Amino acid sequence: MLNTDGSSEAKVTRTAACFMGLSHILYLKERVKGTAYAALEVLFLVLIHSRSKSSMIL
């Protein structure tokens, strides 16, 4: 559970910096929003990886 005095803000910020959507899932209990953010990040990473492979061919 998050404290309302602001002491949990650093914990949420660190997890959000590590993986987008993780703090929504773990701490804020916003599972739908967290899953959407996580899926977007995975998609973004896959697209970056596939583009870097295709640019090496050219």
PDB file of N, CA and C in Angstrom:
ATOM      1  N   MET A   1       0.845  -1.186   0.000  1.00  0.00           N
ATOM      2  CA  MET A   1       0.000   0.000   0.000  1.00  0.00           C
ATOM      3  C   MET A   1       0.879   1.234   0.000  1.00  0.00           C
ATOM      4  N   LEU A   2       0.462   2.244  -0.735  1.00  0.00           N
ATOM      5  CA  LEU A   2       1.220   3.491  -0.818  1.00  0.00           C
ATOM      6  C   LEU A   2       0.853   4.426   0.322  1.00  0.00           C
ATOM      7  N   ASN A   3       1.858   5.097   0.835  1.00  0.00           N
ATOM      8  CA  ASN A   3       1.622   6.103   1.869  1.00  0.00           C
ATOM      9  C   ASN A   3       1.151   7.398   1.218  1.00  0.00           C
ATOM     10  N   THR A   4       0.238   8.076   1.890  1.00  0.00           N
ATOM     11  CA  THR A   4      -0.292   9.319   1.330  1.00  0.00           C
ATOM     12  C   THR A   4       0.577  10.523   1.656  1.00  0.00           C
ATOM     13  N   ASP A   5       1.641  10.335   2.435  1.00  0.00           N
ATOM     14  CA  ASP A   5       2.492  11.460   2.804  1.00  0.00           C
ATOM     15  C   ASP A   5       3.576  11.758   1.769  1.00  0.00           C
ATOM     16  N   GLY A   6       3.629  11.022   0.672  1.00  0.00           N
ATOM     17  CA  GLY A   6       4.595  11.280  -0.381  1.00  0.00           C
ATOM     18  C   GLY A   6       5.865  10.462  -0.280  1.00  0.00           C
ATOM     19  N   SER A   7       6.010   9.649   0.751  1.00  0.00           N
ATOM     20  CA  SER A   7       7.232   8.859   0.915  1.00  0.00           C
ATOM     21  C   SER A   7       7.331   7.732  -0.112  1.00  0.00           C
ATOM     22  N   SER A   8       6.233   7.344  -0.713  1.00  0.00           N
ATOM     23  CA  SER A   8       6.244   6.269  -1.707  1.00  0.00           C
ATOM     24  C   SER A   8       6.527   6.789  -3.109  1.00  0.00           C
ATOM     25  N   GLU A   9       6.621   8.085  -3.270  1.00  0.00           N
ATOM     26  CA  GLU A   9       6.814   8.665  -4.599  1.00  0.00           C
ATOM     27  C   GLU A   9       8.126   8.192  -5.231  1.00  0.00           C
ATOM     28  N   ALA A  10       9.194   8.101  -4.454  1.00  0.00           N
ATOM     29  CA  ALA A  10      10.481   7.653  -4.986  1.00  0.00           C
ATOM     30  C   ALA A  10      10.409   6.203  -5.461  1.00  0.00           C
ATOM     31  N   LYS A  11       9.698   5.368  -4.721  1.00  0.00           N
ATOM     32  CA  LYS A  11       9.566   3.962  -5.086  1.00  0.00           C
ATOM     33  C   LYS A  11       8.804   3.830  -6.411  1.00  0.00           C
ATOM     34  N   VAL A  12       7.743   4.571  -6.559  1.00  0.00           N
ATOM     35  CA  VAL A  12       6.951   4.538  -7.789  1.00  0.00           C
ATOM     36  C   VAL A  12       7.767   5.082  -8.951  1.00  0.00           C
ATOM     37  N   THR A  13       8.498   6.149  -8.731  1.00  0.00           N
ATOM     38  CA  THR A  13       9.304   6.751  -9.796  1.00  0.00           C
ATOM     39  C   THR A  13      10.403   5.809 -10.261  1.00  0.00           C
ATOM     40  N   ARG A  14      11.061   5.123  -9.324  1.00  0.00           N
ATOM     41  CA  ARG A  14      12.123   4.171  -9.704  1.00  0.00           C
ATOM     42  C   ARG A  14      11.574   3.028 -10.536  1.00  0.00           C
ATOM     43  N   THR A  15      10.452   2.462 -10.143  1.00  0.00           N
ATOM     44  CA  THR A  15       9.913   1.337 -10.908  1.00  0.00           C
ATOM     45  C   THR A  15       9.408   1.789 -12.269  1.00  0.00           C
ATOM     46  N   ALA A  16       8.859   2.992 -12.351  1.00  0.00           N
ATOM     47  CA  ALA A  16       8.407   3.510 -13.634  1.00  0.00           C
ATOM     48  C   ALA A  16       9.590   3.757 -14.569  1.00  0.00           C
ATOM     49  N   ALA A  17      10.720   4.163 -14.009  1.00  0.00           N
ATOM     50  CA  ALA A  17      11.912   4.393 -14.825  1.00  0.00           C
ATOM     51  C   ALA A  17      12.500   3.077 -15.333  1.00  0.00           C
ATOM     52  N   CYS A  18      12.374   2.024 -14.559  1.00  0.00           N
ATOM     53  CA  CYS A  18      12.904   0.721 -14.977  1.00  0.00           C
ATOM     54  C   CYS A  18      12.068   0.106 -16.092  1.00  0.00           C
ATOM     55  N   PHE A  19      10.766   0.131 -15.940  1.00  0.00           N
ATOM     56  CA  PHE A  19       9.886  -0.469 -16.935  1.00  0.00           C
ATOM     57  C   PHE A  19       8.557   0.263 -16.916  1.00  0.00           C
ATOM     58  N   MET A  20       8.191   0.836 -18.043  1.00  0.00           N
ATOM     59  CA  MET A  20       6.967   1.613 -18.120  1.00  0.00           C
ATOM     60  C   MET A  20       5.764   0.709 -17.819  1.00  0.00           C
ATOM     61  N   GLY A  21       4.926   1.102 -16.920  1.00  0.00           N
ATOM     62  CA  GLY A  21       3.751   0.333 -16.555  1.00  0.00           C
ATOM     63  C   GLY A  21       3.921  -0.509 -15.307  1.00  0.00           C
ATOM     64  N   LEU A  22       5.171  -0.739 -14.894  1.00  0.00           N
ATOM     65  CA  LEU A  22       5.405  -1.602 -13.737  1.00  0.00           C
ATOM     66  C   LEU A  22       4.854  -1.002 -12.450  1.00  0.00           C
ATOM     67  N   SER A  23       5.031   0.291 -12.259  1.00  0.00           N
ATOM     68  CA  SER A  23       4.507   0.911 -11.038  1.00  0.00           C
ATOM     69  C   SER A  23       2.984   0.937 -11.036  1.00  0.00           C
ATOM     70  N   HIS A  24       2.369   1.038 -12.218  1.00  0.00           N
ATOM     71  CA  HIS A  24       0.910   0.979 -12.280  1.00  0.00           C
ATOM     72  C   HIS A  24       0.413  -0.395 -11.840  1.00  0.00           C
ATOM     73  N   ILE A  25       1.115  -1.420 -12.242  1.00  0.00           N
ATOM     74  CA  ILE A  25       0.690  -2.777 -11.908  1.00  0.00           C
ATOM     75  C   ILE A  25       0.979  -3.107 -10.449  1.00  0.00           C
ATOM     76  N   LEU A  26       2.200  -2.793  -9.981  1.00  0.00           N
ATOM     77  CA  LEU A  26       2.606  -3.207  -8.640  1.00  0.00           C
ATOM     78  C   LEU A  26       2.046  -2.335  -7.527  1.00  0.00           C
ATOM     79  N   TYR A  27       2.142  -1.025  -7.673  1.00  0.00           N
ATOM     80  CA  TYR A  27       1.845  -0.132  -6.554  1.00  0.00           C
ATOM     81  C   TYR A  27       0.512   0.592  -6.677  1.00  0.00           C
ATOM     82  N   LEU A  28       0.175   1.030  -7.878  1.00  0.00           N
ATOM     83  CA  LEU A  28      -1.037   1.833  -8.026  1.00  0.00           C
ATOM     84  C   LEU A  28      -2.282   0.981  -8.261  1.00  0.00           C
ATOM     85  N   LYS A  29      -2.084  -0.305  -8.505  1.00  0.00           N
ATOM     86  CA  LYS A  29      -3.172  -1.271  -8.721  1.00  0.00           C
ATOM     87  C   LYS A  29      -4.073  -0.886  -9.895  1.00  0.00           C
ATOM     88  N   GLU A  30      -3.456  -0.265 -10.897  1.00  0.00           N
ATOM     89  CA  GLU A  30      -4.155   0.061 -12.140  1.00  0.00           C
ATOM     90  C   GLU A  30      -3.684  -0.934 -13.192  1.00  0.00           C
ATOM     91  N   ARG A  31      -4.233  -2.134 -13.123  1.00  0.00           N
ATOM     92  CA  ARG A  31      -3.734  -3.230 -13.938  1.00  0.00           C
ATOM     93  C   ARG A  31      -3.957  -3.024 -15.435  1.00  0.00           C
ATOM     94  N   VAL A  32      -5.086  -2.482 -15.829  1.00  0.00           N
ATOM     95  CA  VAL A  32      -5.367  -2.288 -17.257  1.00  0.00           C
ATOM     96  C   VAL A  32      -4.412  -1.250 -17.841  1.00  0.00           C
ATOM     97  N   LYS A  33      -4.263  -0.117 -17.167  1.00  0.00           N
ATOM     98  CA  LYS A  33      -3.360   0.926 -17.647  1.00  0.00           C
ATOM     99  C   LYS A  33      -1.913   0.433 -17.638  1.00  0.00           C
ATOM    100  N   GLY A  34      -1.510  -0.272 -16.591  1.00  0.00           N
ATOM    101  CA  GLY A  34      -0.155  -0.799 -16.510  1.00  0.00           C
ATOM    102  C   GLY A  34       0.140  -1.808 -17.597  1.00  0.00           C
ATOM    103  N   THR A  35      -0.824  -2.669 -17.884  1.00  0.00           N
ATOM    104  CA  THR A  35      -0.647  -3.658 -18.951  1.00  0.00           C
ATOM    105  C   THR A  35      -0.545  -2.976 -20.302  1.00  0.00           C
ATOM    106  N   ALA A  36      -1.342  -1.935 -20.519  1.00  0.00           N
ATOM    107  CA  ALA A  36      -1.278  -1.201 -21.781  1.00  0.00           C
ATOM    108  C   ALA A  36       0.080  -0.522 -21.950  1.00  0.00           C
ATOM    109  N   TYR A  37       0.563   0.119 -20.899  1.00  0.00           N
ATOM    110  CA  TYR A  37       1.876   0.761 -20.966  1.00  0.00           C
ATOM    111  C   TYR A  37       2.985  -0.265 -21.189  1.00  0.00           C
ATOM    112  N   ALA A  38       2.902  -1.391 -20.511  1.00  0.00           N
ATOM    113  CA  ALA A  38       3.919  -2.433 -20.673  1.00  0.00           C
ATOM    114  C   ALA A  38       3.904  -2.990 -22.096  1.00  0.00           C
ATOM    115  N   ALA A  39       2.720  -3.201 -22.650  1.00  0.00           N
ATOM    116  CA  ALA A  39       2.617  -3.704 -24.022  1.00  0.00           C
ATOM    117  C   ALA A  39       3.186  -2.697 -25.018  1.00  0.00           C
ATOM    118  N   LEU A  40       2.934  -1.414 -24.792  1.00  0.00           N
ATOM    119  CA  LEU A  40       3.503  -0.391 -25.664  1.00  0.00           C
ATOM    120  C   LEU A  40       5.023  -0.377 -25.595  1.00  0.00           C
ATOM    121  N   GLU A  41       5.567  -0.537 -24.404  1.00  0.00           N
ATOM    122  CA  GLU A  41       7.016  -0.536 -24.278  1.00  0.00           C
ATOM    123  C   GLU A  41       7.626  -1.748 -24.968  1.00  0.00           C
ATOM    124  N   VAL A  42       7.033  -2.905 -24.799  1.00  0.00           N
ATOM    125  CA  VAL A  42       7.540  -4.112 -25.462  1.00  0.00           C
ATOM    126  C   VAL A  42       7.463  -3.949 -26.971  1.00  0.00           C
ATOM    127  N   LEU A  43       6.358  -3.425 -27.475  1.00  0.00           N
ATOM    128  CA  LEU A  43       6.206  -3.190 -28.909  1.00  0.00           C
ATOM    129  C   LEU A  43       7.273  -2.219 -29.407  1.00  0.00           C
ATOM    130  N   PHE A  44       7.497  -1.153 -28.674  1.00  0.00           N
ATOM    131  CA  PHE A  44       8.505  -0.172 -29.029  1.00  0.00           C
ATOM    132  C   PHE A  44       9.893  -0.805 -29.087  1.00  0.00           C
ATOM    133  N   LEU A  45      10.228  -1.626 -28.093  1.00  0.00           N
ATOM    134  CA  LEU A  45      11.533  -2.279 -28.076  1.00  0.00           C
ATOM    135  C   LEU A  45      11.693  -3.258 -29.234  1.00  0.00           C
ATOM    136  N   VAL A  46      10.636  -3.963 -29.570  1.00  0.00           N
ATOM    137  CA  VAL A  46      10.692  -4.897 -30.703  1.00  0.00           C
ATOM    138  C   VAL A  46      10.894  -4.137 -32.003  1.00  0.00           C
ATOM    139  N   LEU A  47      10.173  -3.026 -32.170  1.00  0.00           N
ATOM    140  CA  LEU A  47      10.322  -2.239 -33.396  1.00  0.00           C
ATOM    141  C   LEU A  47      11.718  -1.635 -33.515  1.00  0.00           C
ATOM    142  N   ILE A  48      12.266  -1.165 -32.412  1.00  0.00           N
ATOM    143  CA  ILE A  48      13.626  -0.630 -32.442  1.00  0.00           C
ATOM    144  C   ILE A  48      14.617  -1.728 -32.822  1.00  0.00           C
ATOM    145  N   HIS A  49      14.441  -2.895 -32.250  1.00  0.00           N
ATOM    146  CA  HIS A  49      15.344  -4.009 -32.544  1.00  0.00           C
ATOM    147  C   HIS A  49      15.244  -4.409 -34.016  1.00  0.00           C
ATOM    148  N   SER A  50      14.032  -4.503 -34.553  1.00  0.00           N
ATOM    149  CA  SER A  50      13.869  -4.911 -35.952  1.00  0.00           C
ATOM    150  C   SER A  50      14.407  -3.839 -36.896  1.00  0.00           C
ATOM    151  N   ARG A  51      14.251  -2.561 -36.548  1.00  0.00           N
ATOM    152  CA  ARG A  51      14.793  -1.489 -37.389  1.00  0.00           C
ATOM    153  C   ARG A  51      16.307  -1.482 -37.361  1.00  0.00           C
ATOM    154  N   SER A  52      16.898  -1.779 -36.224  1.00  0.00           N
ATOM    155  CA  SER A  52      18.359  -1.772 -36.148  1.00  0.00           C
ATOM    156  C   SER A  52      18.932  -2.928 -36.971  1.00  0.00           C
ATOM    157  N   LYS A  53      18.232  -4.046 -37.013  1.00  0.00           N
ATOM    158  CA  LYS A  53      18.686  -5.164 -37.838  1.00  0.00           C
ATOM    159  C   LYS A  53      18.581  -4.818 -39.317  1.00  0.00           C
ATOM    160  N   SER A  54      17.488  -4.173 -39.738  1.00  0.00           N
ATOM    161  CA  SER A  54      17.315  -3.856 -41.150  1.00  0.00           C
ATOM    162  C   SER A  54      18.265  -2.753 -41.598  1.00  0.00           C
ATOM    163  N   SER A  55      18.650  -1.838 -40.712  1.00  0.00           N
ATOM    164  CA  SER A  55      19.578  -0.788 -41.101  1.00  0.00           C
ATOM    165  C   SER A  55      20.995  -1.334 -41.234  1.00  0.00           C
ATOM    166  N   MET A  56      21.297  -2.440 -40.578  1.00  0.00           N
ATOM    167  CA  MET A  56      22.620  -3.045 -40.718  1.00  0.00           C
ATOM    168  C   MET A  56      22.776  -3.699 -42.081  1.00  0.00           C
ATOM    169  N   ILE A  57      21.667  -4.119 -42.671  1.00  0.00           N
ATOM    170  CA  ILE A  57      21.699  -4.775 -43.990  1.00  0.00           C
ATOM    171  C   ILE A  57      22.011  -3.745 -45.066  1.00  0.00           C
ATOM    172  N   LEU A  58      21.465  -2.547 -44.922  1.00  0.00           N
ATOM    173  CA  LEU A  58      21.644  -1.514 -45.950  1.00  0.00           C
ATOM    174  C   LEU A  58      22.983  -0.954 -45.934  1.00  0.00           C
TER     175      LEU A  58
END
